[in-house]
C-alpha atoms as a PDB file:
ATOM      1  CA  MET A   1     248.075 -19.113 237.093  1.00  0.00           C
ATOM      2  CA  HIS A   2     251.087 -20.631 238.884  1.00  0.00           C
ATOM      3  CA  PRO A   3     251.376 -24.447 238.601  1.00  0.00           C
ATOM      4  CA  TRP A   4     250.752 -25.008 242.319  1.00  0.00           C
ATOM      5  CA  GLN A   5     247.645 -22.822 242.111  1.00  0.00           C
ATOM      6  CA  LYS A   6     246.385 -24.874 239.146  1.00  0.00           C
ATOM      7  CA  LYS A   7     246.939 -28.074 241.139  1.00  0.00           C
ATOM      8  CA  LEU A   8     245.077 -26.679 244.167  1.00  0.00           C
ATOM      9  CA  TRP A   9     242.205 -25.496 241.983  1.00  0.00           C
ATOM     10  CA  ALA A  10     241.982 -28.911 240.285  1.00  0.00           C
ATOM     11  CA  ASP A  11     241.870 -30.668 243.680  1.00  0.00           C
ATOM     12  CA  LEU A  12     239.089 -28.371 244.888  1.00  0.00           C
ATOM     13  CA  ILE A  13     237.044 -29.040 241.738  1.00  0.00           C
ATOM     14  CA  LEU A  14     237.508 -32.792 242.220  1.00  0.00           C
ATOM     15  CA  GLU A  15     236.379 -32.590 245.834  1.00  0.00           C
ATOM     16  CA  ASP A  16     233.271 -30.713 244.738  1.00  0.00           C
ATOM     17  CA  TRP A  17     232.657 -33.315 242.014  1.00  0.00           C
ATOM     18  CA  GLU A  18     232.898 -36.131 244.576  1.00  0.00           C
ATOM     19  CA  MET A  19     230.371 -34.428 246.856  1.00  0.00           C
ATOM     20  CA  SER A  20     227.880 -33.736 244.072  1.00  0.00           C
ATOM     21  CA  ASN A  21     228.221 -36.921 242.032  1.00  0.00           C
ATOM     22  CA  GLU A  22     225.688 -39.469 243.218  1.00  0.00           C
ATOM     23  CA  ILE A  23     225.953 -42.015 240.411  1.00  0.00           C
ATOM     24  CA  GLY A  24     227.733 -44.433 242.762  1.00  0.00           C
ATOM     25  CA  TYR A  25     229.171 -46.647 240.013  1.00  0.00           C
ATOM     26  CA  HIS A  26     231.028 -48.865 242.465  1.00  0.00           C
ATOM     27  CA  VAL A  27     233.567 -48.727 245.268  1.00  0.00           C
ATOM     28  CA  PRO A  28     237.050 -49.165 243.734  1.00  0.00           C
ATOM     29  CA  VAL A  29     238.696 -52.428 244.766  1.00  0.00           C
ATOM     30  CA  MET A  30     242.177 -52.404 246.331  1.00  0.00           C
ATOM     31  CA  LEU A  31     242.457 -48.678 245.684  1.00  0.00           C
ATOM     32  CA  GLN A  32     245.617 -48.060 247.704  1.00  0.00           C
ATOM     33  CA  GLU A  33     247.281 -51.210 246.398  1.00  0.00           C
ATOM     34  CA  CYS A  34     246.658 -50.047 242.816  1.00  0.00           C
ATOM     35  CA  ILE A  35     248.071 -46.596 243.502  1.00  0.00           C
ATOM     36  CA  ASP A  36     251.151 -48.042 245.208  1.00  0.00           C
ATOM     37  CA  ALA A  37     251.677 -50.473 242.328  1.00  0.00           C
ATOM     38  CA  LEU A  38     251.627 -47.660 239.738  1.00  0.00           C
ATOM     39  CA  ALA A  39     254.498 -45.873 241.542  1.00  0.00           C
ATOM     40  CA  ILE A  40     253.132 -42.576 240.267  1.00  0.00           C
ATOM     41  CA  LYS A  41     255.508 -39.840 239.120  1.00  0.00           C
ATOM     42  CA  PRO A  42     253.964 -36.373 239.626  1.00  0.00           C
ATOM     43  CA  ASN A  43     254.738 -35.271 236.054  1.00  0.00           C
ATOM     44  CA  GLY A  44     254.020 -38.630 234.434  1.00  0.00           C
ATOM     45  CA  ILE A  45     251.380 -39.746 231.946  1.00  0.00           C
ATOM     46  CA  TYR A  46     249.025 -42.490 233.123  1.00  0.00           C
ATOM     47  CA  VAL A  47     246.178 -44.473 231.605  1.00  0.00           C
ATOM     48  CA  ASP A  48     243.137 -45.906 233.356  1.00  0.00           C
ATOM     49  CA  VAL A  49     241.670 -48.199 230.702  1.00  0.00           C
ATOM     50  CA  THR A  50     238.564 -49.104 232.744  1.00  0.00           C
ATOM     51  CA  PHE A  51     237.310 -45.741 234.012  1.00  0.00           C
ATOM     52  CA  GLY A  52     233.860 -46.813 235.292  1.00  0.00           C
ATOM     53  CA  GLY A  53     232.842 -44.518 238.118  1.00  0.00           C
ATOM     54  CA  GLY A  54     236.232 -42.831 238.216  1.00  0.00           C
ATOM     55  CA  GLY A  55     237.298 -44.097 241.628  1.00  0.00           C
ATOM     56  CA  HIS A  56     240.810 -45.134 240.622  1.00  0.00           C
ATOM     57  CA  SER A  57     241.199 -42.162 238.265  1.00  0.00           C
ATOM     58  CA  LYS A  58     240.330 -39.653 240.988  1.00  0.00           C
ATOM     59  CA  GLU A  59     243.019 -41.113 243.228  1.00  0.00           C
ATOM     60  CA  ILE A  60     245.614 -41.100 240.441  1.00  0.00           C
ATOM     61  CA  LEU A  61     244.928 -37.396 239.799  1.00  0.00           C
ATOM     62  CA  LYS A  62     245.538 -36.641 243.476  1.00  0.00           C
ATOM     63  CA  HIS A  63     249.079 -37.970 243.057  1.00  0.00           C
ATOM     64  CA  LEU A  64     249.811 -36.065 239.848  1.00  0.00           C
ATOM     65  CA  GLY A  65     251.341 -32.608 239.720  1.00  0.00           C
ATOM     66  CA  PRO A  66     250.154 -29.758 237.480  1.00  0.00           C
ATOM     67  CA  GLU A  67     252.146 -31.132 234.522  1.00  0.00           C
ATOM     68  CA  GLY A  68     250.922 -34.696 234.951  1.00  0.00           C
ATOM     69  CA  ARG A  69     248.295 -36.234 232.705  1.00  0.00           C
ATOM     70  CA  LEU A  70     245.682 -38.977 232.982  1.00  0.00           C
ATOM     71  CA  ILE A  71     243.926 -40.554 229.997  1.00  0.00           C
ATOM     72  CA  ALA A  72     240.998 -42.898 230.644  1.00  0.00           C
ATOM     73  CA  PHE A  73     239.046 -45.326 228.468  1.00  0.00           C
ATOM     74  CA  ASP A  74     235.532 -46.725 228.828  1.00  0.00           C
ATOM     75  CA  GLN A  75     233.081 -48.073 226.244  1.00  0.00           C
ATOM     76  CA  ASP A  76     230.036 -47.823 228.535  1.00  0.00           C
ATOM     77  CA  PRO A  77     227.985 -44.646 227.867  1.00  0.00           C
ATOM     78  CA  ASP A  78     226.931 -44.613 231.543  1.00  0.00           C
ATOM     79  CA  ALA A  79     230.598 -44.280 232.526  1.00  0.00           C
ATOM     80  CA  ILE A  80     231.106 -41.299 230.226  1.00  0.00           C
ATOM     81  CA  LYS A  81     228.665 -39.348 232.389  1.00  0.00           C
ATOM     82  CA  ASN A  82     231.217 -39.600 235.221  1.00  0.00           C
ATOM     83  CA  ALA A  83     233.948 -37.629 233.398  1.00  0.00           C
ATOM     84  CA  LEU A  84     236.183 -35.765 235.843  1.00  0.00           C
ATOM     85  CA  PRO A  85     236.329 -31.945 235.744  1.00  0.00           C
ATOM     86  CA  ASP A  86     240.111 -31.642 235.559  1.00  0.00           C
ATOM     87  CA  GLU A  87     242.173 -30.174 232.713  1.00  0.00           C
ATOM     88  CA  ARG A  88     244.794 -32.896 233.241  1.00  0.00           C
ATOM     89  CA  PHE A  89     242.156 -35.549 232.486  1.00  0.00           C
ATOM     90  CA  THR A  90     240.936 -36.939 229.144  1.00  0.00           C
ATOM     91  CA  LEU A  91     238.183 -39.562 228.810  1.00  0.00           C
ATOM     92  CA  ILE A  92     237.998 -41.614 225.605  1.00  0.00           C
ATOM     93  CA  HIS A  93     234.734 -43.403 224.819  1.00  0.00           C
ATOM     94  CA  GLN A  94     236.286 -46.588 223.448  1.00  0.00           C
ATOM     95  CA  ASN A  95     237.196 -50.167 224.299  1.00  0.00           C
ATOM     96  CA  PHE A  96     240.740 -50.546 225.647  1.00  0.00           C
ATOM     97  CA  ARG A  97     241.542 -52.909 222.779  1.00  0.00           C
ATOM     98  CA  PHE A  98     242.145 -49.692 220.769  1.00  0.00           C
ATOM     99  CA  LEU A  99     244.628 -48.332 223.341  1.00  0.00           C
ATOM    100  CA  LYS A 100     247.583 -47.587 221.066  1.00  0.00           C
ATOM    101  CA  ASN A 101     245.630 -45.912 218.257  1.00  0.00           C
ATOM    102  CA  TYR A 102     243.681 -43.571 220.531  1.00  0.00           C
ATOM    103  CA  LEU A 103     246.768 -42.598 222.518  1.00  0.00           C
ATOM    104  CA  ARG A 104     248.381 -41.599 219.232  1.00  0.00           C
ATOM    105  CA  LEU A 105     245.349 -39.455 218.422  1.00  0.00           C
ATOM    106  CA  GLU A 106     245.997 -37.721 221.750  1.00  0.00           C
ATOM    107  CA  GLY A 107     249.618 -37.129 220.755  1.00  0.00           C
ATOM    108  CA  VAL A 108     250.907 -39.711 223.232  1.00  0.00           C
ATOM    109  CA  LYS A 109     253.377 -42.419 222.190  1.00  0.00           C
ATOM    110  CA  GLN A 110     254.440 -43.776 225.568  1.00  0.00           C
ATOM    111  CA  VAL A 111     253.159 -43.555 229.135  1.00  0.00           C
ATOM    112  CA  ASP A 112     254.452 -44.137 232.654  1.00  0.00           C
ATOM    113  CA  GLY A 113     251.746 -46.485 233.858  1.00  0.00           C
ATOM    114  CA  ILE A 114     248.601 -48.369 232.863  1.00  0.00           C
ATOM    115  CA  LEU A 115     245.824 -49.535 235.175  1.00  0.00           C
ATOM    116  CA  ALA A 116     243.089 -52.020 234.241  1.00  0.00           C
ATOM    117  CA  ASP A 117     240.270 -53.045 236.593  1.00  0.00           C
ATOM    118  CA  LEU A 118     238.578 -55.802 234.603  1.00  0.00           C
ATOM    119  CA  GLY A 119     235.079 -57.231 234.872  1.00  0.00           C
ATOM    120  CA  VAL A 120     231.664 -55.712 235.419  1.00  0.00           C
ATOM    121  CA  SER A 121     231.084 -52.740 237.706  1.00  0.00           C
ATOM    122  CA  SER A 122     228.605 -52.789 240.561  1.00  0.00           C
ATOM    123  CA  HIS A 123     226.611 -50.169 238.660  1.00  0.00           C
ATOM    124  CA  GLN A 124     226.217 -52.469 235.674  1.00  0.00           C
ATOM    125  CA  PHE A 125     225.090 -55.317 237.929  1.00  0.00           C
ATOM    126  CA  ASP A 126     222.663 -53.018 239.754  1.00  0.00           C
ATOM    127  CA  ALA A 127     221.130 -51.520 236.597  1.00  0.00           C
ATOM    128  CA  ALA A 128     218.299 -54.005 236.039  1.00  0.00           C
ATOM    129  CA  ASP A 129     217.710 -53.008 232.422  1.00  0.00           C
ATOM    130  CA  ARG A 130     221.275 -53.929 231.416  1.00  0.00           C
ATOM    131  CA  GLY A 131     220.549 -57.650 231.928  1.00  0.00           C
ATOM    132  CA  PHE A 132     223.868 -58.414 233.668  1.00  0.00           C
ATOM    133  CA  SER A 133     222.384 -59.626 236.935  1.00  0.00           C
ATOM    134  CA  ILE A 134     220.495 -62.787 237.859  1.00  0.00           C
ATOM    135  CA  ARG A 135     218.705 -60.770 240.570  1.00  0.00           C
ATOM    136  CA  PHE A 136     216.378 -58.934 238.190  1.00  0.00           C
ATOM    137  CA  ASP A 137     214.032 -59.991 235.427  1.00  0.00           C
ATOM    138  CA  ALA A 138     215.023 -57.977 232.393  1.00  0.00           C
ATOM    139  CA  ASP A 139     215.824 -58.383 228.724  1.00  0.00           C
ATOM    140  CA  LEU A 140     218.975 -60.450 228.200  1.00  0.00           C
ATOM    141  CA  ASP A 141     221.285 -57.684 227.015  1.00  0.00           C
ATOM    142  CA  MET A 142     224.724 -57.750 228.746  1.00  0.00           C
ATOM    143  CA  ARG A 143     226.350 -55.297 226.326  1.00  0.00           C
ATOM    144  CA  MET A 144     228.967 -53.027 227.848  1.00  0.00           C
ATOM    145  CA  ASP A 145     228.988 -51.095 224.583  1.00  0.00           C
ATOM    146  CA  GLN A 146     225.356 -50.274 223.823  1.00  0.00           C
ATOM    147  CA  VAL A 147     226.168 -49.639 220.148  1.00  0.00           C
ATOM    148  CA  SER A 148     227.105 -53.273 219.544  1.00  0.00           C
ATOM    149  CA  ASP A 149     224.511 -55.390 217.716  1.00  0.00           C
ATOM    150  CA  LEU A 150     225.455 -58.587 219.583  1.00  0.00           C
ATOM    151  CA  ASP A 151     223.614 -59.103 222.855  1.00  0.00           C
ATOM    152  CA  ALA A 152     222.840 -62.139 225.030  1.00  0.00           C
ATOM    153  CA  ARG A 153     219.509 -62.728 223.302  1.00  0.00           C
ATOM    154  CA  LYS A 154     221.215 -63.041 219.946  1.00  0.00           C
ATOM    155  CA  VAL A 155     223.762 -65.487 221.348  1.00  0.00           C
ATOM    156  CA  LEU A 156     221.088 -67.684 222.942  1.00  0.00           C
ATOM    157  CA  ASN A 157     218.721 -67.661 219.987  1.00  0.00           C
ATOM    158  CA  THR A 158     221.033 -67.822 216.956  1.00  0.00           C
ATOM    159  CA  TYR A 159     224.244 -69.624 217.950  1.00  0.00           C
ATOM    160  CA  ALA A 160     224.576 -73.273 216.944  1.00  0.00           C
ATOM    161  CA  GLU A 161     224.482 -75.915 219.661  1.00  0.00           C
ATOM    162  CA  GLU A 162     228.212 -76.607 219.269  1.00  0.00           C
ATOM    163  CA  GLU A 163     229.041 -72.928 219.744  1.00  0.00           C
ATOM    164  CA  LEU A 164     226.890 -72.662 222.863  1.00  0.00           C
ATOM    165  CA  HIS A 165     228.570 -75.805 224.216  1.00  0.00           C
ATOM    166  CA  ARG A 166     231.979 -74.201 223.671  1.00  0.00           C
ATOM    167  CA  ILE A 167     230.985 -70.909 225.284  1.00  0.00           C
ATOM    168  CA  PHE A 168     229.446 -72.438 228.401  1.00  0.00           C
ATOM    169  CA  GLY A 169     232.285 -74.919 228.808  1.00  0.00           C
ATOM    170  CA  MET A 170     235.160 -72.531 228.169  1.00  0.00           C
ATOM    171  CA  TYR A 171     233.890 -69.223 229.536  1.00  0.00           C
ATOM    172  CA  GLY A 172     231.566 -70.491 232.259  1.00  0.00           C
ATOM    173  CA  GLU A 173     233.509 -73.651 233.159  1.00  0.00           C
ATOM    174  CA  ILE A 174     230.134 -75.396 233.459  1.00  0.00           C
ATOM    175  CA  GLN A 175     230.354 -79.185 233.826  1.00  0.00           C
ATOM    176  CA  ASN A 176     227.111 -80.011 232.017  1.00  0.00           C
ATOM    177  CA  ALA A 177     227.735 -77.450 229.253  1.00  0.00           C
ATOM    178  CA  LYS A 178     226.741 -79.900 226.509  1.00  0.00           C
ATOM    179  CA  SER A 179     223.350 -80.630 228.096  1.00  0.00           C
ATOM    180  CA  LEU A 180     222.850 -76.923 228.753  1.00  0.00           C
ATOM    181  CA  ALA A 181     223.460 -76.040 225.095  1.00  0.00           C
ATOM    182  CA  LYS A 182     221.129 -78.791 223.877  1.00  0.00           C
ATOM    183  CA  THR A 183     218.373 -77.704 226.293  1.00  0.00           C
ATOM    184  CA  ILE A 184     218.548 -74.098 225.098  1.00  0.00           C
ATOM    185  CA  VAL A 185     218.500 -75.040 221.404  1.00  0.00           C
ATOM    186  CA  THR A 186     215.548 -77.395 221.947  1.00  0.00           C
ATOM    187  CA  ASN A 187     213.507 -74.898 223.963  1.00  0.00           C
ATOM    188  CA  ARG A 188     214.072 -71.954 221.625  1.00  0.00           C
ATOM    189  CA  LEU A 189     212.131 -73.857 218.960  1.00  0.00           C
ATOM    190  CA  ASN A 190     209.023 -72.910 220.947  1.00  0.00           C
ATOM    191  CA  GLY A 191     209.941 -69.227 220.802  1.00  0.00           C
ATOM    192  CA  PRO A 192     212.958 -66.981 221.463  1.00  0.00           C
ATOM    193  CA  ILE A 193     214.465 -66.754 224.949  1.00  0.00           C
ATOM    194  CA  GLN A 194     214.272 -63.027 225.678  1.00  0.00           C
ATOM    195  CA  THR A 195     214.479 -62.404 229.437  1.00  0.00           C
ATOM    196  CA  VAL A 196     216.400 -63.442 232.527  1.00  0.00           C
ATOM    197  CA  ALA A 197     213.318 -65.198 233.935  1.00  0.00           C
ATOM    198  CA  GLU A 198     212.737 -67.118 230.693  1.00  0.00           C
ATOM    199  CA  LEU A 199     216.331 -68.343 230.620  1.00  0.00           C
ATOM    200  CA  LYS A 200     216.214 -69.467 234.248  1.00  0.00           C
ATOM    201  CA  GLU A 201     212.949 -71.319 233.581  1.00  0.00           C
ATOM    202  CA  VAL A 202     214.381 -73.075 230.505  1.00  0.00           C
ATOM    203  CA  ILE A 203     217.476 -74.372 232.325  1.00  0.00           C
ATOM    204  CA  LYS A 204     216.029 -75.004 235.787  1.00  0.00           C
ATOM    205  CA  ARG A 205     216.162 -78.817 235.575  1.00  0.00           C
ATOM    206  CA  LEU A 206     219.920 -78.651 234.912  1.00  0.00           C
ATOM    207  CA  VAL A 207     220.758 -76.501 237.931  1.00  0.00           C
ATOM    208  CA  PRO A 208     222.366 -78.435 240.834  1.00  0.00           C
ATOM    209  CA  LYS A 209     220.312 -78.287 244.029  1.00  0.00           C
ATOM    210  CA  GLY A 210     221.758 -75.892 246.578  1.00  0.00           C
ATOM    211  CA  LYS A 211     224.086 -74.333 243.993  1.00  0.00           C
ATOM    212  CA  GLU A 212     221.556 -72.299 242.040  1.00  0.00           C
ATOM    213  CA  HIS A 213     223.296 -68.949 242.497  1.00  0.00           C
ATOM    214  CA  LYS A 214     226.722 -70.253 241.472  1.00  0.00           C
ATOM    215  CA  TYR A 215     225.363 -72.049 238.413  1.00  0.00           C
ATOM    216  CA  HIS A 216     223.376 -69.046 237.194  1.00  0.00           C
ATOM    217  CA  ALA A 217     226.413 -66.838 237.757  1.00  0.00           C
ATOM    218  CA  GLN A 218     228.536 -69.161 235.587  1.00  0.00           C
ATOM    219  CA  VAL A 219     225.928 -69.117 232.808  1.00  0.00           C
ATOM    220  CA  PHE A 220     225.738 -65.319 232.896  1.00  0.00           C
ATOM    221  CA  GLN A 221     229.514 -64.985 232.988  1.00  0.00           C
ATOM    222  CA  ALA A 222     229.853 -67.134 229.875  1.00  0.00           C
ATOM    223  CA  LEU A 223     227.241 -65.123 227.987  1.00  0.00           C
ATOM    224  CA  ARG A 224     228.728 -61.790 229.071  1.00  0.00           C
ATOM    225  CA  ILE A 225     232.239 -62.779 228.005  1.00  0.00           C
ATOM    226  CA  GLU A 226     230.955 -63.852 224.579  1.00  0.00           C
ATOM    227  CA  VAL A 227     228.749 -60.784 224.055  1.00  0.00           C
ATOM    228  CA  ASN A 228     231.575 -58.380 224.863  1.00  0.00           C
ATOM    229  CA  LYS A 229     234.408 -60.494 223.417  1.00  0.00           C
ATOM    230  CA  GLU A 230     236.170 -59.853 226.705  1.00  0.00           C
ATOM    231  CA  LEU A 231     239.051 -62.303 226.426  1.00  0.00           C
ATOM    232  CA  GLU A 232     239.882 -61.263 222.860  1.00  0.00           C
ATOM    233  CA  ALA A 233     239.830 -57.600 223.898  1.00  0.00           C
ATOM    234  CA  LEU A 234     242.042 -58.347 226.920  1.00  0.00           C
ATOM    235  CA  GLN A 235     244.623 -60.131 224.784  1.00  0.00           C
ATOM    236  CA  GLU A 236     244.699 -57.315 222.228  1.00  0.00           C
ATOM    237  CA  PHE A 237     245.087 -54.764 225.020  1.00  0.00           C
ATOM    238  CA  LEU A 238     247.903 -56.638 226.758  1.00  0.00           C
ATOM    239  CA  GLU A 239     249.822 -57.109 223.506  1.00  0.00           C
ATOM    240  CA  GLN A 240     249.904 -53.317 223.052  1.00  0.00           C
ATOM    241  CA  THR A 241     251.107 -52.459 226.545  1.00  0.00           C
ATOM    242  CA  ALA A 242     254.772 -53.269 225.951  1.00  0.00           C
ATOM    243  CA  ALA A 243     254.972 -50.770 223.077  1.00  0.00           C
ATOM    244  CA  VAL A 244     252.960 -48.117 224.928  1.00  0.00           C
ATOM    245  CA  LEU A 245     254.835 -48.186 228.240  1.00  0.00           C
ATOM    246  CA  LYS A 246     258.120 -46.377 228.813  1.00  0.00           C
ATOM    247  CA  PRO A 247     261.049 -48.337 230.304  1.00  0.00           C
ATOM    248  CA  GLU A 248     260.270 -48.884 234.018  1.00  0.00           C
ATOM    249  CA  GLY A 249     256.622 -48.053 233.320  1.00  0.00           C
ATOM    250  CA  ARG A 250     254.142 -50.080 235.359  1.00  0.00           C
ATOM    251  CA  LEU A 251     251.348 -52.376 234.142  1.00  0.00           C
ATOM    252  CA  VAL A 252     248.756 -52.956 236.881  1.00  0.00           C
ATOM    253  CA  VAL A 253     245.883 -55.340 236.144  1.00  0.00           C
ATOM    254  CA  MET A 254     243.091 -56.524 238.437  1.00  0.00           C
ATOM    255  CA  SER A 255     241.009 -59.513 237.334  1.00  0.00           C
ATOM    256  CA  TYR A 256     238.018 -61.313 238.812  1.00  0.00           C
ATOM    257  CA  HIS A 257     238.006 -64.802 237.346  1.00  0.00           C
ATOM    258  CA  SER A 258     240.594 -67.430 236.438  1.00  0.00           C
ATOM    259  CA  LEU A 259     240.304 -67.010 232.668  1.00  0.00           C
ATOM    260  CA  GLU A 260     241.371 -63.366 232.823  1.00  0.00           C
ATOM    261  CA  ASP A 261     243.969 -63.936 235.537  1.00  0.00           C
ATOM    262  CA  ARG A 262     245.634 -66.736 233.562  1.00  0.00           C
ATOM    263  CA  LEU A 263     246.054 -64.491 230.523  1.00  0.00           C
ATOM    264  CA  VAL A 264     247.449 -61.633 232.613  1.00  0.00           C
ATOM    265  CA  LYS A 265     249.801 -63.886 234.589  1.00  0.00           C
ATOM    266  CA  ASN A 266     251.230 -65.580 231.493  1.00  0.00           C
ATOM    267  CA  PHE A 267     251.657 -62.361 229.553  1.00  0.00           C
ATOM    268  CA  MET A 268     253.464 -60.588 232.380  1.00  0.00           C
ATOM    269  CA  ALA A 269     255.736 -63.555 233.028  1.00  0.00           C
ATOM    270  CA  LYS A 270     256.424 -64.654 229.437  1.00  0.00           C
ATOM    271  CA  GLY A 271     255.328 -61.892 227.089  1.00  0.00           C
ATOM    272  CA  LYS A 272     252.922 -64.389 225.517  1.00  0.00           C
ATOM    273  CA  PHE A 273     249.761 -66.270 226.455  1.00  0.00           C
ATOM    274  CA  LYS A 274     250.880 -69.863 225.840  1.00  0.00           C
ATOM    275  CA  GLY A 275     254.072 -71.865 225.754  1.00  0.00           C
ATOM    276  CA  GLU A 276     257.475 -71.178 227.207  1.00  0.00           C
ATOM    277  CA  VAL A 277     259.433 -67.937 227.288  1.00  0.00           C
ATOM    278  CA  GLU A 278     261.321 -67.302 224.058  1.00  0.00           C
ATOM    279  CA  LYS A 279     265.129 -67.074 224.258  1.00  0.00           C
ATOM    280  CA  ASP A 280     267.799 -65.482 222.102  1.00  0.00           C
ATOM    281  CA  PHE A 281     270.865 -67.228 220.634  1.00  0.00           C
ATOM    282  CA  PHE A 282     272.691 -66.966 223.949  1.00  0.00           C
ATOM    283  CA  GLY A 283     269.873 -68.382 226.027  1.00  0.00           C
ATOM    284  CA  ASN A 284     268.683 -65.061 227.430  1.00  0.00           C
ATOM    285  CA  GLU A 285     264.936 -64.792 227.946  1.00  0.00           C
ATOM    286  CA  ILE A 286     263.116 -62.444 225.572  1.00  0.00           C
ATOM    287  CA  LYS A 287     260.227 -60.871 227.437  1.00  0.00           C
ATOM    288  CA  PRO A 288     259.146 -57.253 227.806  1.00  0.00           C
ATOM    289  CA  PHE A 289     258.251 -57.231 231.509  1.00  0.00           C
ATOM    290  CA  HIS A 290     259.723 -57.881 234.906  1.00  0.00           C
ATOM    291  CA  VAL A 291     257.101 -59.237 237.308  1.00  0.00           C
ATOM    292  CA  ILE A 292     256.965 -57.150 240.496  1.00  0.00           C
ATOM    293  CA  SER A 293     254.928 -59.570 242.614  1.00  0.00           C
ATOM    294  CA  ARG A 294     255.227 -63.295 241.918  1.00  0.00           C
ATOM    295  CA  LYS A 295     251.958 -63.985 243.673  1.00  0.00           C
ATOM    296  CA  ALA A 296     248.772 -62.108 242.931  1.00  0.00           C
ATOM    297  CA  ILE A 297     247.889 -59.408 245.459  1.00  0.00           C
ATOM    298  CA  VAL A 298     244.502 -59.995 247.101  1.00  0.00           C
ATOM    299  CA  ALA A 299     242.239 -57.782 249.180  1.00  0.00           C
ATOM    300  CA  THR A 300     242.422 -57.761 252.962  1.00  0.00           C
ATOM    301  CA  ALA A 301     239.758 -59.508 255.020  1.00  0.00           C
ATOM    302  CA  ASP A 302     238.476 -56.101 256.148  1.00  0.00           C
ATOM    303  CA  GLU A 303     238.012 -54.897 252.563  1.00  0.00           C
ATOM    304  CA  VAL A 304     236.252 -58.106 251.527  1.00  0.00           C
ATOM    305  CA  GLN A 305     233.876 -57.673 254.460  1.00  0.00           C
ATOM    306  CA  GLN A 306     233.084 -54.108 253.374  1.00  0.00           C
ATOM    307  CA  ASN A 307     233.058 -54.748 249.616  1.00  0.00           C
ATOM    308  CA  ASN A 308     232.046 -58.214 248.429  1.00  0.00           C
ATOM    309  CA  ARG A 309     233.341 -57.470 244.912  1.00  0.00           C
ATOM    310  CA  ALA A 310     236.883 -57.591 246.319  1.00  0.00           C
ATOM    311  CA  ARG A 311     236.483 -61.263 247.271  1.00  0.00           C
ATOM    312  CA  SER A 312     237.567 -62.670 243.913  1.00  0.00           C
ATOM    313  CA  ALA A 313     239.929 -59.864 242.851  1.00  0.00           C
ATOM    314  CA  LYS A 314     243.532 -60.641 241.954  1.00  0.00           C
ATOM    315  CA  LEU A 315     245.969 -57.823 241.325  1.00  0.00           C
ATOM    316  CA  ARG A 316     249.120 -58.377 239.279  1.00  0.00           C
ATOM    317  CA  VAL A 317     251.923 -55.883 238.661  1.00  0.00           C
ATOM    318  CA  ALA A 318     254.748 -55.830 236.127  1.00  0.00           C
ATOM    319  CA  GLU A 319     257.387 -53.307 235.071  1.00  0.00           C
ATOM    320  CA  LYS A 320     258.524 -52.665 231.519  1.00  0.00           C
ATOM    321  CA  LYS A 321     262.188 -53.578 231.040  1.00  0.00           C
END
């Protein structure tokens, strides 16, 4: 089959997949901005490290030629069900913290672009049994990787008070984190805290009036970050990107809270997460990336109105030197 015929056939299969796939993981945020930021080369190799429902991946494939290649990562078994029917596409069921090793297994040393859409998908929030959402009463799970033995119940019922204080203060940025940790440890003496409703009941006297939703969201964010070791995984992933990207390759990362965004911003600007940029003997800065946009790209008012998830999204772009 001629290359252009293969490309046409792949596009037709993708269109059929889109029409028949009703999983509806979530609407991709800032889709066009992500595609523009990647500056896709038709014959390039690209990585989508947060595949989810495949929204960004599908659009990347539309910009690739018959010789192009897209490799995606996702640790969520629900996401694996969304694999795209395209011979240019490979889906790896793993956390993106193992980026470099699994690319090597695929025979790939360097790529032309990497996209990461961090955070929890709408599907995960909407699946009541996953325990991510404060809207449903369900077991406190919050695992993105269902094979992991650490879930939110284990954190709440086995972590020491000092550890819970640290998690709620650092990951949830909760002002009364110390009182929250003490309340949980005291109440679990009467029996384990197993469900969303039980947790909300235990902490209800600590929740500021009129700010219930925000407070619960901060508590759940802190637990989710701890359960999935999200910040550690993000740092490990970012540290590998410089070696994996070709010169002029693009790193495109979209985050949804300040903890993630701070790590991404510092790494792109300095090549490290803390401190000042390192310099050589002559005073030249030693950093692997050139920042494309000094300010984070945010969604338009129209997109935020149509997709609430876009409200807190910040997109940052850097190019490998």
